[in-house]
Amino acid sequence: MTDEQHRRTPTRLWGGRFEGGPSEALARLSVSVQFDWRLAPYDLLGSRAHARVLHRAGLLTEDELDRMLGALDDLEEACRTGEFRPAVADEDVHTALERGLLERLGTLGGKLRAGRSRNDQVATDLRLYLRDHVRQIVSRLVELETALIAQADQNMGVAAPGMTHLQHAQPVLFSHQLLAHVQAYARDVDRLRDWDKRAAISPLGSGALAGSSLPLDPEAVADELGFDAAAANSMDAVSDRDYAVEFLAAAALIGVHLSRLGEEVVLWASQEFRWIEMDDTYATGSSIMPQKKNPDVAELARGKCGRLIGHLTALLTTLKGLPLTYNRDLQEDKEGVFDAVETLLLVLPAMAGLIATMRVNTERLEALAPQGFALATDLAELLVRRGVAFREAHEVVGHLVVWCQVNDKDFGDLTDDELAKVSPHLTPDVRDVFSVQGALAARKAYGGTSPERVGQQLTALRSLADDHASWAAS
């Protein structure tokens, strides 16, 4: 076949055994280029590395290699500008790019296919795509970490009601609560960095499943593409999607953490809480009620968690019954991964902006901090320090709370006689613990909510966020 015939012939990466083309129904079912086209830059990276390996194996001359690399560069630029786009007849990204190469090189373009299969190509492309985009996700996580850290710093010393079961429990520093979310996102980053170690394995060179009889060098290709090593087993290399599952698991957990923060923001912004005021640029209004200011960013973060969990479940279900090695079911690995990436890159900046611009109602927080008998535990622990068994101390303070509720009083309103009526252990000096600031200062053990410990946590998390940013830029 002449170069001109190559340029005019519809590209199909299979078909010599077949007398006719696929039916329209099969073609429509098989096509994936509408979503896997985003792998084009990574497929071209792999093609350059493969071309160099073919040259070192003596399968491309120096001149052919130069022409091949020049054509690949030209094709990449055409893809970037939109001059070259997939056609209706292209089955997938690999088919489209081979068509583009044949249009530029004719017969020479067909030499690039030697020693590789779409099976190892797509596995390599997806790993490259994810390793690249995971760093983008970590950059966005750093923005959210930084916004939370800045709010914690700005509101350092502000007391707030700490809650369990959404009921007032004990006073905490509001900064401590904000930094609790940073701790969760820091674990998310740690998971993605750990994931990257296992994802840094190159499948290219595995061929369809058994490797190649051509004198190729998978380790050299791995090194050129930034992987740590080549796959040790060609069958595993083309069928493994653990890296996609692990990414989706990490993405789902990030979604859960975003949802939990979103839920708290929704509560904090409500008329009942009034802990924060959202900036107008990160809130919406109502089409019918002029007074409304809605926390749509937080609600959407909460809502999109479901699709992230769904993508993980879907891929696990797809993989659970597949025999080795490649099966076309694996085409289902990409759409969920792409959507998870895009969802996180959409939600994270919006949440970072919401947190960075919100205004904290410090006066209300501090007024609410002691309410709901939130200092009851401090009183019980004072009695313990005086030798009372905690079981008894717990009951004494519980009786005191009931007495206050019946008589519509708070701890600070009680007289000496009223304290003594409940228990002889409740001497006048127990009033020493009826102080929010005292309660905060007393929680000075590692991990506690005392100003000293929260300050240390703030410093440590700033340093950790800087480390996360450095890794993302690597």
Protein backbone atom coordinates (compact mmCIF):
# COMPACT_ATOMS: atom_id res chain seq x y z
CA MET A 1 0.00 0.00 0.00
CA THR A 2 1.36 3.41 -0.95
CA ASP A 3 1.69 6.34 1.46
CA GLU A 4 -1.21 8.06 -0.29
CA GLN A 5 -3.41 4.97 0.14
CA HIS A 6 -2.44 4.88 3.83
CA ARG A 7 -3.59 8.46 4.19
CA ARG A 8 -6.97 7.74 2.57
CA THR A 9 -7.71 4.36 4.19
CA PRO A 10 -9.93 4.47 7.33
CA THR A 11 -7.77 3.64 10.34
CA ARG A 12 -8.64 0.51 12.28
CA LEU A 13 -6.12 -1.14 14.56
CA TRP A 14 -7.50 -4.59 13.75
CA GLY A 15 -9.28 -6.20 10.83
CA GLY A 16 -6.90 -8.25 8.64
CA ARG A 17 -8.69 -11.41 9.68
CA PHE A 18 -12.13 -9.90 8.94
CA GLU A 19 -13.74 -9.65 5.52
CA GLY A 20 -16.13 -6.89 6.54
CA GLY A 21 -16.24 -4.03 8.97
CA PRO A 22 -18.12 -4.02 12.27
CA SER A 23 -21.85 -3.49 12.36
CA GLU A 24 -23.09 -0.03 13.27
CA ALA A 25 -24.37 -1.34 16.61
CA LEU A 26 -20.99 -2.85 17.48
CA ALA A 27 -19.15 0.26 16.38
CA ARG A 28 -21.37 2.49 18.52
CA LEU A 29 -20.95 0.21 21.53
CA SER A 30 -17.18 -0.05 21.11
CA VAL A 31 -16.34 3.59 20.58
CA SER A 32 -14.62 5.31 23.51
CA VAL A 33 -12.85 8.22 21.84
CA GLN A 34 -15.49 10.64 23.10
CA PHE A 35 -14.09 10.27 26.62
CA ASP A 36 -10.60 8.79 26.25
CA TRP A 37 -9.43 11.58 23.94
CA ARG A 38 -8.14 13.39 27.02
CA LEU A 39 -5.43 10.70 27.18
CA ALA A 40 -3.93 11.98 23.90
CA PRO A 41 -1.01 13.93 25.46
CA TYR A 42 -0.04 10.88 27.51
CA ASP A 43 -0.38 8.51 24.55
CA LEU A 44 1.96 10.77 22.58
CA LEU A 45 4.47 10.73 25.44
CA GLY A 46 4.43 6.95 25.35
CA SER A 47 4.77 6.97 21.56
CA ARG A 48 7.93 9.08 21.70
CA ALA A 49 9.48 6.74 24.26
CA HIS A 50 8.45 3.69 22.22
CA ALA A 51 9.92 5.20 19.05
CA ARG A 52 13.29 5.65 20.76
CA VAL A 53 13.20 2.04 21.99
CA LEU A 54 12.45 0.82 18.46
CA HIS A 55 15.42 2.83 17.23
CA ARG A 56 17.73 1.35 19.85
CA ALA A 57 16.48 -2.11 18.84
CA GLY A 58 17.47 -1.43 15.23
CA LEU A 59 13.87 -1.32 14.02
CA LEU A 60 13.96 2.39 13.09
CA THR A 61 16.84 4.14 11.36
CA GLU A 62 18.18 7.44 12.68
CA ASP A 63 16.37 9.27 9.88
CA GLU A 64 13.13 7.38 10.54
CA LEU A 65 13.35 8.19 14.24
CA ASP A 66 13.86 11.90 13.52
CA ARG A 67 10.91 11.95 11.14
CA MET A 68 8.78 9.98 13.62
CA LEU A 69 9.56 12.31 16.53
CA GLY A 70 8.98 15.38 14.34
CA ALA A 71 5.60 14.04 13.25
CA LEU A 72 4.63 13.24 16.85
CA ASP A 73 5.58 16.79 17.91
CA ASP A 74 3.54 18.22 15.05
CA LEU A 75 0.59 15.99 15.92
CA GLU A 76 0.74 17.04 19.57
CA GLU A 77 0.66 20.70 18.62
CA ALA A 78 -2.26 20.04 16.26
CA CYS A 79 -4.11 18.29 19.09
CA ARG A 80 -3.38 21.17 21.44
CA THR A 81 -4.71 23.84 19.07
CA GLY A 82 -7.68 21.74 17.97
CA GLU A 83 -6.47 21.50 14.38
CA PHE A 84 -6.46 17.72 14.75
CA ARG A 85 -9.49 16.15 16.38
CA PRO A 86 -10.86 12.60 16.53
CA ALA A 87 -13.18 11.68 13.69
CA VAL A 88 -16.52 9.86 13.81
CA ALA A 89 -14.85 6.69 12.52
CA ASP A 90 -12.10 6.68 15.19
CA GLU A 91 -12.75 3.97 17.72
CA ASP A 92 -10.51 5.32 20.48
CA VAL A 93 -7.68 7.73 21.20
CA HIS A 94 -5.09 5.26 19.89
CA THR A 95 -6.91 4.87 16.56
CA ALA A 96 -7.26 8.63 16.17
CA LEU A 97 -3.60 9.32 16.87
CA GLU A 98 -2.39 6.57 14.54
CA ARG A 99 -4.56 8.13 11.83
CA GLY A 100 -2.89 11.46 12.51
CA LEU A 101 0.54 9.87 12.32
CA LEU A 102 -0.26 8.05 9.06
CA GLU A 103 -1.50 11.33 7.58
CA ARG A 104 1.91 12.83 8.33
CA LEU A 105 4.23 9.90 7.64
CA GLY A 106 2.42 7.41 5.44
CA THR A 107 3.83 3.88 5.70
CA LEU A 108 6.47 4.91 8.24
CA GLY A 109 3.73 5.80 10.71
CA GLY A 110 2.66 2.17 10.83
CA LYS A 111 6.04 1.09 12.18
CA LEU A 112 5.31 2.61 15.57
CA ARG A 113 2.80 -0.11 16.34
CA ALA A 114 5.50 -2.81 16.48
CA GLY A 115 5.94 -4.38 19.90
CA ARG A 116 3.02 -2.69 21.64
CA SER A 117 -0.73 -3.18 21.99
CA ARG A 118 -3.62 -0.99 22.92
CA ASN A 119 -3.68 -3.11 26.09
CA ASP A 120 -0.35 -1.86 27.41
CA GLN A 121 -0.82 1.57 25.82
CA VAL A 122 -4.05 2.40 27.61
CA ALA A 123 -2.80 1.03 30.92
CA THR A 124 0.25 3.30 30.59
CA ASP A 125 -1.76 6.31 29.46
CA LEU A 126 -4.19 6.07 32.37
CA ARG A 127 -1.38 5.80 34.91
CA LEU A 128 0.36 8.84 33.39
CA TYR A 129 -2.90 10.80 33.37
CA LEU A 130 -3.65 9.97 37.00
CA ARG A 131 -0.15 10.65 38.30
CA ASP A 132 -0.32 14.06 36.63
CA HIS A 133 -3.82 14.91 37.84
CA VAL A 134 -3.30 13.61 41.36
CA ARG A 135 -0.69 16.35 41.73
CA GLN A 136 -3.27 18.89 40.58
CA ILE A 137 -5.73 17.53 43.13
CA VAL A 138 -3.12 17.80 45.89
CA SER A 139 -2.51 21.44 44.88
CA ARG A 140 -6.21 22.14 45.33
CA LEU A 141 -6.22 20.29 48.65
CA VAL A 142 -3.36 22.53 49.77
CA GLU A 143 -5.50 25.58 48.95
CA LEU A 144 -8.26 24.25 51.20
CA GLU A 145 -5.79 23.35 53.94
CA THR A 146 -4.34 26.84 53.72
CA ALA A 147 -7.76 28.50 53.93
CA LEU A 148 -8.67 26.51 57.04
CA ILE A 149 -5.28 27.22 58.63
CA ALA A 150 -5.66 30.96 57.94
CA GLN A 151 -9.12 31.01 59.57
CA ALA A 152 -7.76 29.07 62.55
CA ASP A 153 -4.93 31.57 62.93
CA GLN A 154 -7.22 34.58 62.55
CA ASN A 155 -9.65 33.25 65.16
CA MET A 156 -7.09 31.85 67.58
CA GLY A 157 -8.39 32.03 71.14
CA VAL A 158 -12.08 32.09 70.19
CA ALA A 159 -14.05 29.59 72.27
CA ALA A 160 -16.88 27.60 70.73
CA PRO A 161 -19.30 24.87 71.79
CA GLY A 162 -17.72 21.51 71.06
CA MET A 163 -20.40 19.00 70.15
CA THR A 164 -21.12 15.29 70.19
CA HIS A 165 -24.42 13.97 68.82
CA LEU A 166 -24.90 17.61 67.69
CA GLN A 167 -25.43 18.51 71.37
CA HIS A 168 -23.27 20.87 73.42
CA ALA A 169 -20.56 18.76 75.04
CA GLN A 170 -17.46 20.73 76.10
CA PRO A 171 -15.93 24.09 75.14
CA VAL A 172 -13.23 23.97 72.50
CA LEU A 173 -11.24 26.53 70.58
CA PHE A 174 -12.95 27.13 67.22
CA SER A 175 -9.44 26.94 65.73
CA HIS A 176 -9.19 23.39 67.07
CA GLN A 177 -12.33 22.43 65.16
CA LEU A 178 -11.11 24.05 61.95
CA LEU A 179 -7.78 22.27 62.23
CA ALA A 180 -9.56 18.94 62.75
CA HIS A 181 -10.66 19.25 59.12
CA VAL A 182 -7.09 20.05 58.06
CA GLN A 183 -5.94 16.82 59.72
CA ALA A 184 -8.41 14.87 57.55
CA TYR A 185 -7.23 16.56 54.34
CA ALA A 186 -3.61 15.95 55.34
CA ARG A 187 -4.39 12.24 55.54
CA ASP A 188 -5.97 12.49 52.08
CA VAL A 189 -2.75 13.95 50.70
CA ASP A 190 -0.73 11.26 52.46
CA ARG A 191 -2.92 8.58 50.87
CA LEU A 192 -2.42 10.07 47.39
CA ARG A 193 1.33 10.29 47.87
CA ASP A 194 1.40 6.69 49.03
CA TRP A 195 -0.81 5.73 46.06
CA ASP A 196 1.69 7.33 43.71
CA LYS A 197 4.40 4.90 44.80
CA ARG A 198 2.34 1.93 43.59
CA ALA A 199 1.09 3.75 40.48
CA ALA A 200 4.67 4.49 39.35
CA ILE A 201 4.98 1.19 37.46
CA SER A 202 5.08 1.19 33.66
CA PRO A 203 3.05 -1.43 31.73
CA LEU A 204 4.51 -0.35 28.37
CA GLY A 205 6.40 -3.24 26.79
CA SER A 206 3.94 -5.86 28.02
CA GLY A 207 2.24 -5.96 24.63
CA ALA A 208 -1.15 -7.61 24.59
CA LEU A 209 -0.30 -9.84 27.54
CA ALA A 210 2.98 -11.74 26.99
CA GLY A 211 5.57 -9.11 26.20
CA SER A 212 7.27 -8.98 22.80
CA SER A 213 9.82 -11.09 20.93
CA LEU A 214 11.33 -7.84 19.63
CA PRO A 215 14.44 -6.62 21.50
CA LEU A 216 12.63 -3.84 23.38
CA ASP A 217 13.63 -2.27 26.69
CA PRO A 218 10.64 -1.75 29.04
CA GLU A 219 12.89 -0.46 31.82
CA ALA A 220 14.30 2.32 29.62
CA VAL A 221 10.76 3.31 28.61
CA ALA A 222 9.70 3.36 32.26
CA ASP A 223 12.59 5.64 33.14
CA GLU A 224 11.88 8.03 30.28
CA LEU A 225 8.22 8.31 31.26
CA GLY A 226 9.02 9.07 34.90
CA PHE A 227 8.01 5.71 36.32
CA ASP A 228 10.03 4.06 39.08
CA ALA A 229 10.10 0.65 37.39
CA ALA A 230 8.69 -1.51 34.61
CA ALA A 231 5.99 -4.06 35.40
CA ALA A 232 7.42 -7.37 36.57
CA ASN A 233 4.62 -9.47 35.03
CA SER A 234 3.20 -8.63 31.61
CA MET A 235 -0.12 -10.38 32.28
CA ASP A 236 -0.67 -8.45 35.48
CA ALA A 237 0.46 -5.22 33.82
CA VAL A 238 -2.31 -5.14 31.22
CA SER A 239 -5.11 -6.38 33.49
CA ASP A 240 -4.24 -4.54 36.72
CA ARG A 241 -6.56 -1.67 37.63
CA ASP A 242 -5.70 -1.56 41.32
CA TYR A 243 -4.25 1.91 40.80
CA ALA A 244 -7.60 3.13 39.46
CA VAL A 245 -9.52 1.52 42.31
CA GLU A 246 -7.12 2.94 44.89
CA PHE A 247 -7.42 6.39 43.36
CA LEU A 248 -11.22 6.19 43.40
CA ALA A 249 -11.12 5.03 47.03
CA ALA A 250 -8.96 8.01 47.94
CA ALA A 251 -11.22 10.30 45.90
CA ALA A 252 -14.32 8.93 47.64
CA LEU A 253 -12.77 9.60 51.03
CA ILE A 254 -11.85 13.14 50.00
CA GLY A 255 -15.48 13.48 48.97
CA VAL A 256 -16.60 12.27 52.39
CA HIS A 257 -14.34 14.81 54.10
CA LEU A 258 -15.64 17.58 51.84
CA SER A 259 -19.18 16.49 52.63
CA ARG A 260 -18.55 16.60 56.39
CA LEU A 261 -17.06 20.10 56.16
CA GLY A 262 -19.91 21.13 53.88
CA GLU A 263 -22.47 19.87 56.39
CA GLU A 264 -20.83 21.89 59.18
CA VAL A 265 -20.79 25.04 57.05
CA VAL A 266 -24.49 24.56 56.28
CA LEU A 267 -25.17 24.36 60.02
CA TRP A 268 -22.82 27.22 60.95
CA ALA A 269 -24.50 29.52 58.40
CA SER A 270 -28.05 28.72 59.53
CA GLN A 271 -30.18 31.19 61.47
CA GLU A 272 -30.21 28.75 64.39
CA PHE A 273 -26.40 28.60 64.63
CA ARG A 274 -25.24 31.94 63.16
CA TRP A 275 -21.59 31.00 63.75
CA ILE A 276 -20.45 32.37 60.39
CA GLU A 277 -21.48 34.73 57.62
CA MET A 278 -20.74 33.58 54.08
CA ASP A 279 -19.26 36.02 51.63
CA ASP A 280 -21.69 37.02 48.88
CA THR A 281 -19.32 35.66 46.23
CA TYR A 282 -19.67 32.13 47.60
CA ALA A 283 -23.41 32.11 48.34
CA THR A 284 -26.57 32.21 46.24
CA GLY A 285 -30.05 33.66 46.67
CA SER A 286 -33.60 32.49 46.17
CA SER A 287 -35.71 33.04 43.07
CA ILE A 288 -38.75 33.79 45.25
CA MET A 289 -37.51 34.77 48.75
CA PRO A 290 -35.45 37.98 48.66
CA GLN A 291 -33.95 37.52 52.12
CA LYS A 292 -32.33 34.16 51.45
CA LYS A 293 -28.58 33.53 51.40
CA ASN A 294 -27.99 29.91 50.56
CA PRO A 295 -24.84 27.79 51.22
CA ASP A 296 -24.91 26.21 47.75
CA VAL A 297 -21.15 25.58 47.61
CA ALA A 298 -21.27 23.55 50.81
CA GLU A 299 -24.40 21.71 49.70
CA LEU A 300 -22.93 20.83 46.31
CA ALA A 301 -19.76 19.57 47.99
CA ARG A 302 -21.98 17.40 50.16
CA GLY A 303 -24.04 16.22 47.20
CA LYS A 304 -21.17 15.33 44.88
CA CYS A 305 -19.77 12.92 47.44
CA GLY A 306 -22.35 10.39 46.24
CA ARG A 307 -21.00 10.23 42.70
CA LEU A 308 -17.43 9.73 43.99
CA ILE A 309 -18.53 6.80 46.14
CA GLY A 310 -20.54 5.48 43.17
CA HIS A 311 -17.53 5.45 40.84
CA LEU A 312 -15.57 3.34 43.32
CA THR A 313 -18.41 0.86 43.70
CA ALA A 314 -18.91 0.64 39.93
CA LEU A 315 -15.28 -0.16 39.13
CA LEU A 316 -14.98 -2.73 41.90
CA THR A 317 -18.09 -4.43 40.52
CA THR A 318 -16.67 -4.39 36.98
CA LEU A 319 -13.40 -5.96 38.07
CA LYS A 320 -14.62 -8.60 40.49
CA GLY A 321 -15.23 -11.40 37.95
CA LEU A 322 -12.70 -10.70 35.19
CA PRO A 323 -10.31 -13.50 34.18
CA LEU A 324 -6.76 -12.64 33.16
CA THR A 325 -5.79 -10.78 31.14
CA TYR A 326 -7.34 -7.93 29.18
CA ASN A 327 -11.12 -7.88 28.72
CA ARG A 328 -13.14 -5.16 27.02
CA ASP A 329 -14.96 -4.62 30.31
CA LEU A 330 -11.89 -2.60 31.29
CA GLN A 331 -13.08 0.17 28.99
CA GLU A 332 -15.38 1.01 31.92
CA ASP A 333 -12.42 2.04 34.08
CA LYS A 334 -11.98 5.48 32.54
CA GLU A 335 -15.22 7.45 32.71
CA GLY A 336 -15.51 7.11 36.49
CA VAL A 337 -11.86 8.04 36.96
CA PHE A 338 -12.16 11.07 34.68
CA ASP A 339 -15.33 12.23 36.40
CA ALA A 340 -13.79 11.79 39.86
CA VAL A 341 -10.80 13.92 38.84
CA GLU A 342 -12.99 16.62 37.34
CA THR A 343 -15.37 16.60 40.30
CA LEU A 344 -12.56 17.13 42.81
CA LEU A 345 -10.91 19.82 40.70
CA LEU A 346 -14.30 21.57 40.54
CA VAL A 347 -15.32 21.30 44.20
CA LEU A 348 -12.02 21.87 46.00
CA PRO A 349 -11.35 25.45 44.77
CA ALA A 350 -14.94 26.44 45.53
CA MET A 351 -14.73 25.10 49.08
CA ALA A 352 -11.35 26.78 49.59
CA GLY A 353 -12.85 30.09 48.49
CA LEU A 354 -15.88 29.65 50.73
CA ILE A 355 -13.72 28.96 53.79
CA ALA A 356 -11.20 31.71 53.02
CA THR A 357 -13.87 34.40 52.72
CA MET A 358 -16.31 33.44 55.49
CA ARG A 359 -16.59 35.75 58.51
CA VAL A 360 -16.70 34.15 61.96
CA ASN A 361 -19.19 35.52 64.50
CA THR A 362 -16.78 35.38 67.44
CA GLU A 363 -19.10 37.03 69.96
CA ARG A 364 -21.85 34.50 69.35
CA LEU A 365 -19.44 31.56 69.50
CA GLU A 366 -18.03 32.66 72.83
CA ALA A 367 -21.52 33.31 74.24
CA LEU A 368 -22.61 29.81 73.22
CA ALA A 369 -19.46 28.03 74.43
CA PRO A 370 -20.56 27.45 78.06
CA GLN A 371 -24.24 26.86 77.30
CA GLY A 372 -25.85 23.46 77.77
CA PHE A 373 -23.87 22.85 80.98
CA ALA A 374 -20.75 22.38 78.84
CA LEU A 375 -18.51 22.71 81.93
CA ALA A 376 -20.06 19.67 83.64
CA THR A 377 -17.12 17.42 82.77
CA ASP A 378 -14.66 19.92 84.22
CA LEU A 379 -16.60 19.87 87.49
CA ALA A 380 -16.61 16.06 87.57
CA GLU A 381 -12.87 15.94 86.91
CA LEU A 382 -12.27 18.46 89.72
CA LEU A 383 -14.03 16.09 92.11
CA VAL A 384 -11.87 13.23 90.81
CA ARG A 385 -8.73 15.24 91.53
CA ARG A 386 -10.07 15.57 95.10
CA GLY A 387 -10.33 11.80 95.51
CA VAL A 388 -13.94 11.16 94.50
CA ALA A 389 -14.43 8.09 92.30
CA PHE A 390 -15.40 9.16 88.79
CA ARG A 391 -18.57 7.05 88.91
CA GLU A 392 -19.75 9.00 91.95
CA ALA A 393 -18.53 12.32 90.57
CA HIS A 394 -20.44 11.68 87.35
CA GLU A 395 -23.67 11.06 89.30
CA VAL A 396 -23.19 14.13 91.53
CA VAL A 397 -22.75 16.45 88.56
CA GLY A 398 -25.64 14.77 86.73
CA HIS A 399 -27.90 15.48 89.72
CA LEU A 400 -26.67 19.08 89.73
CA VAL A 401 -27.58 19.48 86.05
CA VAL A 402 -31.11 18.17 86.70
CA TRP A 403 -31.49 20.52 89.68
CA CYS A 404 -30.42 23.47 87.53
CA GLN A 405 -32.86 22.53 84.76
CA VAL A 406 -35.76 22.20 87.19
CA ASN A 407 -34.92 25.55 88.78
CA ASP A 408 -34.01 27.31 85.54
CA LYS A 409 -30.46 28.11 86.62
CA ASP A 410 -26.96 27.71 85.25
CA PHE A 411 -23.89 26.63 87.23
CA GLY A 412 -22.75 30.20 87.76
CA ASP A 413 -26.09 31.21 89.31
CA LEU A 414 -25.93 28.73 92.19
CA THR A 415 -25.51 29.79 95.80
CA ASP A 416 -23.33 27.95 98.32
CA ASP A 417 -26.42 26.46 99.97
CA GLU A 418 -27.82 25.25 96.67
CA LEU A 419 -24.56 23.51 95.80
CA ALA A 420 -24.45 21.85 99.22
CA LYS A 421 -28.07 20.64 98.89
CA VAL A 422 -27.09 18.53 95.86
CA SER A 423 -23.93 17.03 97.41
CA PRO A 424 -21.44 17.76 100.20
CA HIS A 425 -18.71 17.39 97.60
CA LEU A 426 -19.92 20.61 95.94
CA THR A 427 -18.13 23.11 98.15
CA PRO A 428 -18.05 26.84 97.21
CA ASP A 429 -14.59 26.58 95.66
CA VAL A 430 -15.87 24.32 92.85
CA ARG A 431 -16.77 27.59 91.15
CA ASP A 432 -13.11 27.74 90.13
CA VAL A 433 -13.90 25.50 87.16
CA PHE A 434 -16.94 27.48 85.99
CA SER A 435 -14.77 29.26 83.40
CA VAL A 436 -14.54 28.53 79.69
CA GLN A 437 -11.01 29.86 79.44
CA GLY A 438 -9.98 27.75 82.41
CA ALA A 439 -11.53 24.67 80.85
CA LEU A 440 -9.66 25.29 77.60
CA ALA A 441 -6.34 25.90 79.32
CA ALA A 442 -6.73 22.71 81.37
CA ARG A 443 -6.86 20.55 78.22
CA LYS A 444 -3.14 20.82 77.61
CA ALA A 445 -2.29 17.19 76.93
CA TYR A 446 -1.00 16.39 73.44
CA GLY A 447 -3.85 16.72 70.95
CA GLY A 448 -5.96 18.79 73.35
CA THR A 449 -7.77 22.06 72.78
CA SER A 450 -5.65 24.32 75.00
CA PRO A 451 -4.32 27.47 73.29
CA GLU A 452 -0.77 26.18 73.67
CA ARG A 453 -1.50 22.82 72.01
CA VAL A 454 -3.62 24.35 69.24
CA GLY A 455 -0.82 26.82 68.53
CA GLN A 456 1.63 23.94 68.17
CA GLN A 457 -0.80 22.12 65.88
CA LEU A 458 -1.17 25.26 63.77
CA THR A 459 2.58 25.54 63.29
CA ALA A 460 2.94 21.87 62.41
CA LEU A 461 0.10 21.97 59.86
CA ARG A 462 1.53 25.06 58.17
CA SER A 463 4.77 23.17 57.64
CA LEU A 464 2.89 20.09 56.43
CA ALA A 465 0.87 22.14 53.92
CA ASP A 466 4.12 23.59 52.55
CA ASP A 467 5.46 20.05 52.15
CA HIS A 468 2.26 19.02 50.33
CA ALA A 469 2.63 21.99 47.96
CA SER A 470 6.24 21.06 47.20
CA TRP A 471 5.27 17.48 46.36
CA ALA A 472 2.43 18.60 44.11
CA ALA A 473 4.84 20.79 42.17
CA SER A 474 7.35 17.96 41.70
